[in-house]
Amino acid sequence: MKLGKVIGRVTLSVACPAFKGARWLIINPSDRKTIKTLSEDMESTALSPGPSPVVYDDLGAGVGDIIGYVEGAEAAAPFKNPTPVDAINTAIIDRVFYNPFES
């Protein structure tokens, strides 16, 4: 599972019936540097370099929330039938505590 911050939503005019009732979130994935920032300030807007994935969400996360998500074959596992999804929200994170070991 990876962590990311929700930075936007996607609105669809037509969607696969398997996705009925859910929404799509644009997230900013966290890396070591931004996880440390999130642990200090949940309102942080520090952006990771690179693309912002679109994640299927049926848990109700909103803009500004920190979520846990999975990608790849694991993202399609919750669906009964084969479903074309690349990433799915698996958790809404309340708080992040990050204290790396200093060597």
PDB file of N, CA and C in Angstrom:
ATOM      1  N   MET A   1       0.843  -1.171   0.000  1.00  0.00           N
ATOM      2  CA  MET A   1       0.000   0.000   0.000  1.00  0.00           C
ATOM      3  C   MET A   1       0.889   1.236   0.000  1.00  0.00           C
ATOM      4  N   LYS A   2       0.478   2.223  -0.765  1.00  0.00           N
ATOM      5  CA  LYS A   2       1.190   3.496  -0.841  1.00  0.00           C
ATOM      6  C   LYS A   2       0.304   4.579  -0.232  1.00  0.00           C
ATOM      7  N   LEU A   3       0.915   5.689   0.154  1.00  0.00           N
ATOM      8  CA  LEU A   3       0.157   6.821   0.682  1.00  0.00           C
ATOM      9  C   LEU A   3       0.148   7.962  -0.310  1.00  0.00           C
ATOM     10  N   GLY A   4      -0.918   8.736  -0.312  1.00  0.00           N
ATOM     11  CA  GLY A   4      -1.020   9.902  -1.172  1.00  0.00           C
ATOM     12  C   GLY A   4      -2.050  10.870  -0.631  1.00  0.00           C
ATOM     13  N   LYS A   5      -1.959  12.102  -1.076  1.00  0.00           N
ATOM     14  CA  LYS A   5      -2.903  13.141  -0.655  1.00  0.00           C
ATOM     15  C   LYS A   5      -3.835  13.448  -1.816  1.00  0.00           C
ATOM     16  N   VAL A   6      -5.122  13.509  -1.537  1.00  0.00           N
ATOM     17  CA  VAL A   6      -6.108  13.808  -2.569  1.00  0.00           C
ATOM     18  C   VAL A   6      -6.003  15.288  -2.925  1.00  0.00           C
ATOM     19  N   ILE A   7      -5.755  15.559  -4.232  1.00  0.00           N
ATOM     20  CA  ILE A   7      -5.610  16.948  -4.673  1.00  0.00           C
ATOM     21  C   ILE A   7      -6.699  17.354  -5.650  1.00  0.00           C
ATOM     22  N   GLY A   8      -7.602  16.426  -5.998  1.00  0.00           N
ATOM     23  CA  GLY A   8      -8.680  16.779  -6.921  1.00  0.00           C
ATOM     24  C   GLY A   8      -9.584  15.594  -7.192  1.00  0.00           C
ATOM     25  N   ARG A   9     -10.637  15.859  -7.978  1.00  0.00           N
ATOM     26  CA  ARG A   9     -11.581  14.820  -8.369  1.00  0.00           C
ATOM     27  C   ARG A   9     -11.770  14.831  -9.869  1.00  0.00           C
ATOM     28  N   VAL A  10     -12.189  13.700 -10.407  1.00  0.00           N
ATOM     29  CA  VAL A  10     -12.476  13.567 -11.831  1.00  0.00           C
ATOM     30  C   VAL A  10     -13.976  13.341 -11.971  1.00  0.00           C
ATOM     31  N   THR A  11     -14.597  14.043 -12.907  1.00  0.00           N
ATOM     32  CA  THR A  11     -16.015  13.857 -13.190  1.00  0.00           C
ATOM     33  C   THR A  11     -16.150  13.154 -14.527  1.00  0.00           C
ATOM     34  N   LEU A  12     -16.912  12.065 -14.556  1.00  0.00           N
ATOM     35  CA  LEU A  12     -17.115  11.288 -15.771  1.00  0.00           C
ATOM     36  C   LEU A  12     -18.539  11.479 -16.279  1.00  0.00           C
ATOM     37  N   SER A  13     -18.697  11.562 -17.578  1.00  0.00           N
ATOM     38  CA  SER A  13     -20.047  11.625 -18.143  1.00  0.00           C
ATOM     39  C   SER A  13     -20.571  10.219 -18.435  1.00  0.00           C
ATOM     40  N   VAL A  14     -19.673   9.288 -18.708  1.00  0.00           N
ATOM     41  CA  VAL A  14     -20.039   7.885 -18.950  1.00  0.00           C
ATOM     42  C   VAL A  14     -19.005   7.017 -18.247  1.00  0.00           C
ATOM     43  N   ALA A  15     -19.470   5.960 -17.564  1.00  0.00           N
ATOM     44  CA  ALA A  15     -18.546   5.069 -16.867  1.00  0.00           C
ATOM     45  C   ALA A  15     -19.010   3.627 -16.993  1.00  0.00           C
ATOM     46  N   CYS A  16     -18.101   2.720 -16.812  1.00  0.00           N
ATOM     47  CA  CYS A  16     -18.399   1.290 -16.785  1.00  0.00           C
ATOM     48  C   CYS A  16     -19.401   1.025 -15.658  1.00  0.00           C
ATOM     49  N   PRO A  17     -20.425   0.196 -15.883  1.00  0.00           N
ATOM     50  CA  PRO A  17     -21.422  -0.080 -14.848  1.00  0.00           C
ATOM     51  C   PRO A  17     -20.831  -0.604 -13.532  1.00  0.00           C
ATOM     52  N   ALA A  18     -19.682  -1.245 -13.573  1.00  0.00           N
ATOM     53  CA  ALA A  18     -19.049  -1.747 -12.344  1.00  0.00           C
ATOM     54  C   ALA A  18     -18.638  -0.613 -11.410  1.00  0.00           C
ATOM     55  N   PHE A  19     -18.492   0.582 -11.944  1.00  0.00           N
ATOM     56  CA  PHE A  19     -18.049   1.726 -11.149  1.00  0.00           C
ATOM     57  C   PHE A  19     -19.196   2.586 -10.633  1.00  0.00           C
ATOM     58  N   LYS A  20     -20.431   2.140 -10.772  1.00  0.00           N
ATOM     59  CA  LYS A  20     -21.594   2.931 -10.371  1.00  0.00           C
ATOM     60  C   LYS A  20     -21.523   3.275  -8.881  1.00  0.00           C
ATOM     61  N   GLY A  21     -21.733   4.544  -8.573  1.00  0.00           N
ATOM     62  CA  GLY A  21     -21.771   4.997  -7.195  1.00  0.00           C
ATOM     63  C   GLY A  21     -20.435   5.379  -6.593  1.00  0.00           C
ATOM     64  N   ALA A  22     -19.358   5.202  -7.311  1.00  0.00           N
ATOM     65  CA  ALA A  22     -18.045   5.557  -6.779  1.00  0.00           C
ATOM     66  C   ALA A  22     -17.540   6.825  -7.452  1.00  0.00           C
ATOM     67  N   ARG A  23     -16.436   7.334  -6.983  1.00  0.00           N
ATOM     68  CA  ARG A  23     -15.836   8.521  -7.591  1.00  0.00           C
ATOM     69  C   ARG A  23     -14.365   8.262  -7.882  1.00  0.00           C
ATOM     70  N   TRP A  24     -13.785   9.164  -8.620  1.00  0.00           N
ATOM     71  CA  TRP A  24     -12.381   9.076  -9.017  1.00  0.00           C
ATOM     72  C   TRP A  24     -11.631  10.255  -8.408  1.00  0.00           C
ATOM     73  N   LEU A  25     -10.504   9.969  -7.787  1.00  0.00           N
ATOM     74  CA  LEU A  25      -9.704  10.990  -7.115  1.00  0.00           C
ATOM     75  C   LEU A  25      -8.353  11.145  -7.799  1.00  0.00           C
ATOM     76  N   ILE A  26      -7.886  12.373  -7.863  1.00  0.00           N
ATOM     77  CA  ILE A  26      -6.527  12.649  -8.336  1.00  0.00           C
ATOM     78  C   ILE A  26      -5.677  12.784  -7.075  1.00  0.00           C
ATOM     79  N   ILE A  27      -4.592  12.052  -7.036  1.00  0.00           N
ATOM     80  CA  ILE A  27      -3.779  12.090  -5.822  1.00  0.00           C
ATOM     81  C   ILE A  27      -2.343  12.496  -6.110  1.00  0.00           C
ATOM     82  N   ASN A  28      -1.725  13.007  -5.079  1.00  0.00           N
ATOM     83  CA  ASN A  28      -0.308  13.315  -5.104  1.00  0.00           C
ATOM     84  C   ASN A  28       0.386  12.236  -4.278  1.00  0.00           C
ATOM     85  N   PRO A  29       1.082  11.290  -4.929  1.00  0.00           N
ATOM     86  CA  PRO A  29       1.727  10.216  -4.174  1.00  0.00           C
ATOM     87  C   PRO A  29       2.809  10.754  -3.251  1.00  0.00           C
ATOM     88  N   SER A  30       2.959  10.123  -2.098  1.00  0.00           N
ATOM     89  CA  SER A  30       3.977  10.544  -1.137  1.00  0.00           C
ATOM     90  C   SER A  30       5.240   9.722  -1.297  1.00  0.00           C
ATOM     91  N   ASP A  31       6.363  10.375  -1.089  1.00  0.00           N
ATOM     92  CA  ASP A  31       7.640   9.694  -1.016  1.00  0.00           C
ATOM     93  C   ASP A  31       8.220   9.970   0.364  1.00  0.00           C
ATOM     94  N   ARG A  32       9.459   9.607   0.612  1.00  0.00           N
ATOM     95  CA  ARG A  32      10.035   9.826   1.950  1.00  0.00           C
ATOM     96  C   ARG A  32       9.960  11.281   2.397  1.00  0.00           C
ATOM     97  N   LYS A  33      10.259  12.191   1.505  1.00  0.00           N
ATOM     98  CA  LYS A  33      10.280  13.606   1.883  1.00  0.00           C
ATOM     99  C   LYS A  33       8.883  14.125   2.203  1.00  0.00           C
ATOM    100  N   THR A  34       7.899  13.797   1.379  1.00  0.00           N
ATOM    101  CA  THR A  34       6.556  14.318   1.623  1.00  0.00           C
ATOM    102  C   THR A  34       5.840  13.581   2.751  1.00  0.00           C
ATOM    103  N   ILE A  35       6.197  12.312   3.023  1.00  0.00           N
ATOM    104  CA  ILE A  35       5.610  11.629   4.183  1.00  0.00           C
ATOM    105  C   ILE A  35       6.042  12.329   5.456  1.00  0.00           C
ATOM    106  N   LYS A  36       7.306  12.721   5.535  1.00  0.00           N
ATOM    107  CA  LYS A  36       7.776  13.447   6.716  1.00  0.00           C
ATOM    108  C   LYS A  36       7.005  14.754   6.860  1.00  0.00           C
ATOM    109  N   THR A  37       6.760  15.451   5.770  1.00  0.00           N
ATOM    110  CA  THR A  37       5.986  16.696   5.812  1.00  0.00           C
ATOM    111  C   THR A  37       4.560  16.418   6.272  1.00  0.00           C
ATOM    112  N   LEU A  38       3.956  15.334   5.777  1.00  0.00           N
ATOM    113  CA  LEU A  38       2.594  14.989   6.185  1.00  0.00           C
ATOM    114  C   LEU A  38       2.527  14.686   7.672  1.00  0.00           C
ATOM    115  N   SER A  39       3.562  14.026   8.216  1.00  0.00           N
ATOM    116  CA  SER A  39       3.547  13.690   9.631  1.00  0.00           C
ATOM    117  C   SER A  39       3.651  14.926  10.505  1.00  0.00           C
ATOM    118  N   GLU A  40       4.253  15.984   9.996  1.00  0.00           N
ATOM    119  CA  GLU A  40       4.385  17.222  10.758  1.00  0.00           C
ATOM    120  C   GLU A  40       3.185  18.132  10.587  1.00  0.00           C
ATOM    121  N   ASP A  41       2.570  18.123   9.393  1.00  0.00           N
ATOM    122  CA  ASP A  41       1.489  19.050   9.092  1.00  0.00           C
ATOM    123  C   ASP A  41       0.528  18.408   8.099  1.00  0.00           C
ATOM    124  N   MET A  42      -0.638  17.957   8.566  1.00  0.00           N
ATOM    125  CA  MET A  42      -1.596  17.290   7.696  1.00  0.00           C
ATOM    126  C   MET A  42      -2.166  18.223   6.634  1.00  0.00           C
ATOM    127  N   GLU A  43      -1.961  19.525   6.763  1.00  0.00           N
ATOM    128  CA  GLU A  43      -2.456  20.483   5.773  1.00  0.00           C
ATOM    129  C   GLU A  43      -1.419  20.788   4.703  1.00  0.00           C
ATOM    130  N   SER A  44      -0.298  20.096   4.717  1.00  0.00           N
ATOM    131  CA  SER A  44       0.777  20.340   3.767  1.00  0.00           C
ATOM    132  C   SER A  44       0.317  20.165   2.324  1.00  0.00           C
ATOM    133  N   THR A  45       0.890  20.969   1.452  1.00  0.00           N
ATOM    134  CA  THR A  45       0.588  20.834   0.030  1.00  0.00           C
ATOM    135  C   THR A  45       1.851  20.528  -0.774  1.00  0.00           C
ATOM    136  N   ALA A  46       2.891  20.039  -0.101  1.00  0.00           N
ATOM    137  CA  ALA A  46       4.123  19.689  -0.803  1.00  0.00           C
ATOM    138  C   ALA A  46       3.825  18.631  -1.859  1.00  0.00           C
ATOM    139  N   LEU A  47       4.254  18.872  -3.088  1.00  0.00           N
ATOM    140  CA  LEU A  47       3.973  17.952  -4.186  1.00  0.00           C
ATOM    141  C   LEU A  47       5.182  17.110  -4.519  1.00  0.00           C
ATOM    142  N   SER A  48       4.926  15.833  -4.750  1.00  0.00           N
ATOM    143  CA  SER A  48       5.986  14.938  -5.209  1.00  0.00           C
ATOM    144  C   SER A  48       6.196  15.149  -6.698  1.00  0.00           C
ATOM    145  N   PRO A  49       7.422  15.023  -7.175  1.00  0.00           N
ATOM    146  CA  PRO A  49       7.629  15.109  -8.615  1.00  0.00           C
ATOM    147  C   PRO A  49       7.024  13.881  -9.290  1.00  0.00           C
ATOM    148  N   GLY A  50       6.576  14.040 -10.495  1.00  0.00           N
ATOM    149  CA  GLY A  50       6.030  12.911 -11.237  1.00  0.00           C
ATOM    150  C   GLY A  50       4.533  13.009 -11.440  1.00  0.00           C
ATOM    151  N   PRO A  51       3.956  11.965 -12.032  1.00  0.00           N
ATOM    152  CA  PRO A  51       2.535  11.988 -12.374  1.00  0.00           C
ATOM    153  C   PRO A  51       1.631  11.887 -11.149  1.00  0.00           C
ATOM    154  N   SER A  52       0.397  12.333 -11.316  1.00  0.00           N
ATOM    155  CA  SER A  52      -0.621  12.227 -10.275  1.00  0.00           C
ATOM    156  C   SER A  52      -1.629  11.165 -10.700  1.00  0.00           C
ATOM    157  N   PRO A  53      -1.620   9.999 -10.064  1.00  0.00           N
ATOM    158  CA  PRO A  53      -2.530   8.930 -10.469  1.00  0.00           C
ATOM    159  C   PRO A  53      -3.994   9.267 -10.182  1.00  0.00           C
ATOM    160  N   VAL A  54      -4.876   8.635 -10.945  1.00  0.00           N
ATOM    161  CA  VAL A  54      -6.309   8.712 -10.705  1.00  0.00           C
ATOM    162  C   VAL A  54      -6.695   7.410 -10.015  1.00  0.00           C
ATOM    163  N   VAL A  55      -7.377   7.518  -8.862  1.00  0.00           N
ATOM    164  CA  VAL A  55      -7.665   6.378  -8.005  1.00  0.00           C
ATOM    165  C   VAL A  55      -9.170   6.202  -7.848  1.00  0.00           C
ATOM    166  N   TYR A  56      -9.654   4.968  -7.991  1.00  0.00           N
ATOM    167  CA  TYR A  56     -11.058   4.626  -7.763  1.00  0.00           C
ATOM    168  C   TYR A  56     -11.326   4.699  -6.262  1.00  0.00           C
ATOM    169  N   ASP A  57     -12.429   5.356  -5.878  1.00  0.00           N
ATOM    170  CA  ASP A  57     -12.737   5.528  -4.454  1.00  0.00           C
ATOM    171  C   ASP A  57     -14.200   5.227  -4.186  1.00  0.00           C
ATOM    172  N   ASP A  58     -14.466   4.273  -3.313  1.00  0.00           N
ATOM    173  CA  ASP A  58     -15.827   4.051  -2.850  1.00  0.00           C
ATOM    174  C   ASP A  58     -15.909   4.174  -1.328  1.00  0.00           C
ATOM    175  N   LEU A  59     -14.850   4.776  -0.724  1.00  0.00           N
ATOM    176  CA  LEU A  59     -14.833   4.980   0.714  1.00  0.00           C
ATOM    177  C   LEU A  59     -15.280   6.379   1.118  1.00  0.00           C
ATOM    178  N   GLY A  60     -15.251   7.323   0.186  1.00  0.00           N
ATOM    179  CA  GLY A  60     -15.710   8.676   0.479  1.00  0.00           C
ATOM    180  C   GLY A  60     -14.631   9.674   0.847  1.00  0.00           C
ATOM    181  N   ALA A  61     -13.428   9.479   0.383  1.00  0.00           N
ATOM    182  CA  ALA A  61     -12.349  10.437   0.649  1.00  0.00           C
ATOM    183  C   ALA A  61     -12.607  11.734  -0.106  1.00  0.00           C
ATOM    184  N   GLY A  62     -12.101  12.831   0.431  1.00  0.00           N
ATOM    185  CA  GLY A  62     -12.279  14.123  -0.213  1.00  0.00           C
ATOM    186  C   GLY A  62     -10.953  14.833  -0.412  1.00  0.00           C
ATOM    187  N   VAL A  63     -11.003  15.970  -1.062  1.00  0.00           N
ATOM    188  CA  VAL A  63      -9.802  16.752  -1.319  1.00  0.00           C
ATOM    189  C   VAL A  63      -9.154  17.121   0.012  1.00  0.00           C
ATOM    190  N   GLY A  64      -7.853  16.897   0.104  1.00  0.00           N
ATOM    191  CA  GLY A  64      -7.094  17.182   1.315  1.00  0.00           C
ATOM    192  C   GLY A  64      -6.877  15.966   2.199  1.00  0.00           C
ATOM    193  N   ASP A  65      -7.626  14.882   1.976  1.00  0.00           N
ATOM    194  CA  ASP A  65      -7.461  13.664   2.774  1.00  0.00           C
ATOM    195  C   ASP A  65      -6.203  12.913   2.361  1.00  0.00           C
ATOM    196  N   ILE A  66      -5.621  12.204   3.311  1.00  0.00           N
ATOM    197  CA  ILE A  66      -4.514  11.303   3.043  1.00  0.00           C
ATOM    198  C   ILE A  66      -5.123   9.913   2.895  1.00  0.00           C
ATOM    199  N   ILE A  67      -4.779   9.220   1.803  1.00  0.00           N
ATOM    200  CA  ILE A  67      -5.343   7.894   1.577  1.00  0.00           C
ATOM    201  C   ILE A  67      -4.242   6.862   1.392  1.00  0.00           C
ATOM    202  N   GLY A  68      -4.593   5.617   1.630  1.00  0.00           N
ATOM    203  CA  GLY A  68      -3.753   4.486   1.289  1.00  0.00           C
ATOM    204  C   GLY A  68      -4.343   3.867   0.043  1.00  0.00           C
ATOM    205  N   TYR A  69      -3.516   3.549  -0.931  1.00  0.00           N
ATOM    206  CA  TYR A  69      -4.026   2.993  -2.172  1.00  0.00           C
ATOM    207  C   TYR A  69      -3.099   1.898  -2.682  1.00  0.00           C
ATOM    208  N   VAL A  70      -3.675   1.019  -3.501  1.00  0.00           N
ATOM    209  CA  VAL A  70      -2.887  -0.029  -4.154  1.00  0.00           C
ATOM    210  C   VAL A  70      -3.067   0.091  -5.649  1.00  0.00           C
ATOM    211  N   GLU A  71      -2.069  -0.382  -6.383  1.00  0.00           N
ATOM    212  CA  GLU A  71      -2.093  -0.332  -7.841  1.00  0.00           C
ATOM    213  C   GLU A  71      -1.902  -1.734  -8.401  1.00  0.00           C
ATOM    214  N   GLY A  72      -2.218  -1.884  -9.678  1.00  0.00           N
ATOM    215  CA  GLY A  72      -1.979  -3.140 -10.373  1.00  0.00           C
ATOM    216  C   GLY A  72      -3.086  -4.153 -10.163  1.00  0.00           C
ATOM    217  N   ALA A  73      -2.725  -5.427 -10.210  1.00  0.00           N
ATOM    218  CA  ALA A  73      -3.708  -6.514 -10.111  1.00  0.00           C
ATOM    219  C   ALA A  73      -4.468  -6.473  -8.787  1.00  0.00           C
ATOM    220  N   GLU A  74      -3.828  -6.037  -7.722  1.00  0.00           N
ATOM    221  CA  GLU A  74      -4.490  -5.962  -6.422  1.00  0.00           C
ATOM    222  C   GLU A  74      -5.648  -4.977  -6.439  1.00  0.00           C
ATOM    223  N   ALA A  75      -5.587  -3.966  -7.290  1.00  0.00           N
ATOM    224  CA  ALA A  75      -6.653  -2.969  -7.364  1.00  0.00           C
ATOM    225  C   ALA A  75      -7.952  -3.569  -7.886  1.00  0.00           C
ATOM    226  N   ALA A  76      -7.871  -4.577  -8.724  1.00  0.00           N
ATOM    227  CA  ALA A  76      -9.069  -5.211  -9.278  1.00  0.00           C
ATOM    228  C   ALA A  76      -9.608  -6.328  -8.386  1.00  0.00           C
ATOM    229  N   ALA A  77      -8.880  -6.718  -7.354  1.00  0.00           N
ATOM    230  CA  ALA A  77      -9.280  -7.837  -6.493  1.00  0.00           C
ATOM    231  C   ALA A  77     -10.639  -7.661  -5.802  1.00  0.00           C
ATOM    232  N   PRO A  78     -11.049  -6.464  -5.356  1.00  0.00           N
ATOM    233  CA  PRO A  78     -12.336  -6.341  -4.670  1.00  0.00           C
ATOM    234  C   PRO A  78     -13.561  -6.555  -5.561  1.00  0.00           C
ATOM    235  N   PHE A  79     -13.400  -6.539  -6.869  1.00  0.00           N
ATOM    236  CA  PHE A  79     -14.528  -6.672  -7.788  1.00  0.00           C
ATOM    237  C   PHE A  79     -14.807  -8.132  -8.102  1.00  0.00           C
ATOM    238  N   LYS A  80     -16.094  -8.488  -8.214  1.00  0.00           N
ATOM    239  CA  LYS A  80     -16.482  -9.868  -8.532  1.00  0.00           C
ATOM    240  C   LYS A  80     -16.072 -10.255  -9.946  1.00  0.00           C
ATOM    241  N   ASN A  81     -16.286  -9.364 -10.892  1.00  0.00           N
ATOM    242  CA  ASN A  81     -15.961  -9.619 -12.298  1.00  0.00           C
ATOM    243  C   ASN A  81     -14.702  -8.849 -12.686  1.00  0.00           C
ATOM    244  N   PRO A  82     -14.014  -9.272 -13.735  1.00  0.00           N
ATOM    245  CA  PRO A  82     -12.856  -8.498 -14.201  1.00  0.00           C
ATOM    246  C   PRO A  82     -13.257  -7.046 -14.474  1.00  0.00           C
ATOM    247  N   THR A  83     -12.528  -6.125 -13.879  1.00  0.00           N
ATOM    248  CA  THR A  83     -12.856  -4.703 -13.951  1.00  0.00           C
ATOM    249  C   THR A  83     -11.617  -3.915 -14.347  1.00  0.00           C
ATOM    250  N   PRO A  84     -11.754  -2.968 -15.278  1.00  0.00           N
ATOM    251  CA  PRO A  84     -10.595  -2.194 -15.737  1.00  0.00           C
ATOM    252  C   PRO A  84     -10.222  -1.063 -14.777  1.00  0.00           C
ATOM    253  N   VAL A  85      -9.518  -1.406 -13.716  1.00  0.00           N
ATOM    254  CA  VAL A  85      -9.094  -0.401 -12.744  1.00  0.00           C
ATOM    255  C   VAL A  85      -7.608  -0.602 -12.448  1.00  0.00           C
ATOM    256  N   ASP A  86      -6.872   0.506 -12.368  1.00  0.00           N
ATOM    257  CA  ASP A  86      -5.430   0.446 -12.122  1.00  0.00           C
ATOM    258  C   ASP A  86      -5.042   0.781 -10.691  1.00  0.00           C
ATOM    259  N   ALA A  87      -5.875   1.567  -9.982  1.00  0.00           N
ATOM    260  CA  ALA A  87      -5.562   1.952  -8.607  1.00  0.00           C
ATOM    261  C   ALA A  87      -6.865   2.119  -7.832  1.00  0.00           C
ATOM    262  N   ILE A  88      -6.858   1.697  -6.561  1.00  0.00           N
ATOM    263  CA  ILE A  88      -8.053   1.774  -5.733  1.00  0.00           C
ATOM    264  C   ILE A  88      -7.689   2.259  -4.330  1.00  0.00           C
ATOM    265  N   ASN A  89      -8.544   3.092  -3.768  1.00  0.00           N
ATOM    266  CA  ASN A  89      -8.383   3.597  -2.414  1.00  0.00           C
ATOM    267  C   ASN A  89      -8.722   2.476  -1.444  1.00  0.00           C
ATOM    268  N   THR A  90      -7.809   2.161  -0.524  1.00  0.00           N
ATOM    269  CA  THR A  90      -8.045   1.096   0.447  1.00  0.00           C
ATOM    270  C   THR A  90      -8.179   1.608   1.871  1.00  0.00           C
ATOM    271  N   ALA A  91      -7.836   2.887   2.110  1.00  0.00           N
ATOM    272  CA  ALA A  91      -7.917   3.425   3.471  1.00  0.00           C
ATOM    273  C   ALA A  91      -7.915   4.942   3.439  1.00  0.00           C
ATOM    274  N   ILE A  92      -8.629   5.541   4.383  1.00  0.00           N
ATOM    275  CA  ILE A  92      -8.547   6.983   4.621  1.00  0.00           C
ATOM    276  C   ILE A  92      -7.752   7.132   5.914  1.00  0.00           C
ATOM    277  N   ILE A  93      -6.628   7.807   5.828  1.00  0.00           N
ATOM    278  CA  ILE A  93      -5.681   7.897   6.942  1.00  0.00           C
ATOM    279  C   ILE A  93      -6.031   9.085   7.838  1.00  0.00           C
ATOM    280  N   ASP A  94      -6.150   8.825   9.149  1.00  0.00           N
ATOM    281  CA  ASP A  94      -6.435   9.899  10.101  1.00  0.00           C
ATOM    282  C   ASP A  94      -5.185  10.705  10.448  1.00  0.00           C
ATOM    283  N   ARG A  95      -4.098  10.005  10.721  1.00  0.00           N
ATOM    284  CA  ARG A  95      -2.882  10.686  11.136  1.00  0.00           C
ATOM    285  C   ARG A  95      -1.680   9.866  10.701  1.00  0.00           C
ATOM    286  N   VAL A  96      -0.597  10.543  10.366  1.00  0.00           N
ATOM    287  CA  VAL A  96       0.639   9.877   9.957  1.00  0.00           C
ATOM    288  C   VAL A  96       1.715  10.203  10.986  1.00  0.00           C
ATOM    289  N   PHE A  97       2.324   9.166  11.545  1.00  0.00           N
ATOM    290  CA  PHE A  97       3.448   9.332  12.460  1.00  0.00           C
ATOM    291  C   PHE A  97       4.667   8.750  11.769  1.00  0.00           C
ATOM    292  N   TYR A  98       5.641   9.572  11.487  1.00  0.00           N
ATOM    293  CA  TYR A  98       6.818   9.135  10.747  1.00  0.00           C
ATOM    294  C   TYR A  98       8.050   9.611  11.475  1.00  0.00           C
ATOM    295  N   ASN A  99       8.827   8.675  12.013  1.00  0.00           N
ATOM    296  CA  ASN A  99      10.042   9.002  12.741  1.00  0.00           C
ATOM    297  C   ASN A  99      11.127   8.038  12.269  1.00  0.00           C
ATOM    298  N   PRO A 100      11.794   8.365  11.138  1.00  0.00           N
ATOM    299  CA  PRO A 100      12.793   7.433  10.604  1.00  0.00           C
ATOM    300  C   PRO A 100      13.995   7.302  11.515  1.00  0.00           C
ATOM    301  N   PHE A 101      14.604   6.132  11.462  1.00  0.00           N
ATOM    302  CA  PHE A 101      15.814   5.872  12.224  1.00  0.00           C
ATOM    303  C   PHE A 101      16.961   6.687  11.657  1.00  0.00           C
ATOM    304  N   GLU A 102      17.599   7.451  12.484  1.00  0.00           N
ATOM    305  CA  GLU A 102      18.748   8.272  12.065  1.00  0.00           C
ATOM    306  C   GLU A 102      20.024   7.454  12.237  1.00  0.00           C
ATOM    307  N   SER A 103      20.777   7.291  11.156  1.00  0.00           N
ATOM    308  CA  SER A 103      22.025   6.519  11.255  1.00  0.00           C
ATOM    309  C   SER A 103      23.233   7.408  11.305  1.00  0.00           C
TER     310      SER A 103
END
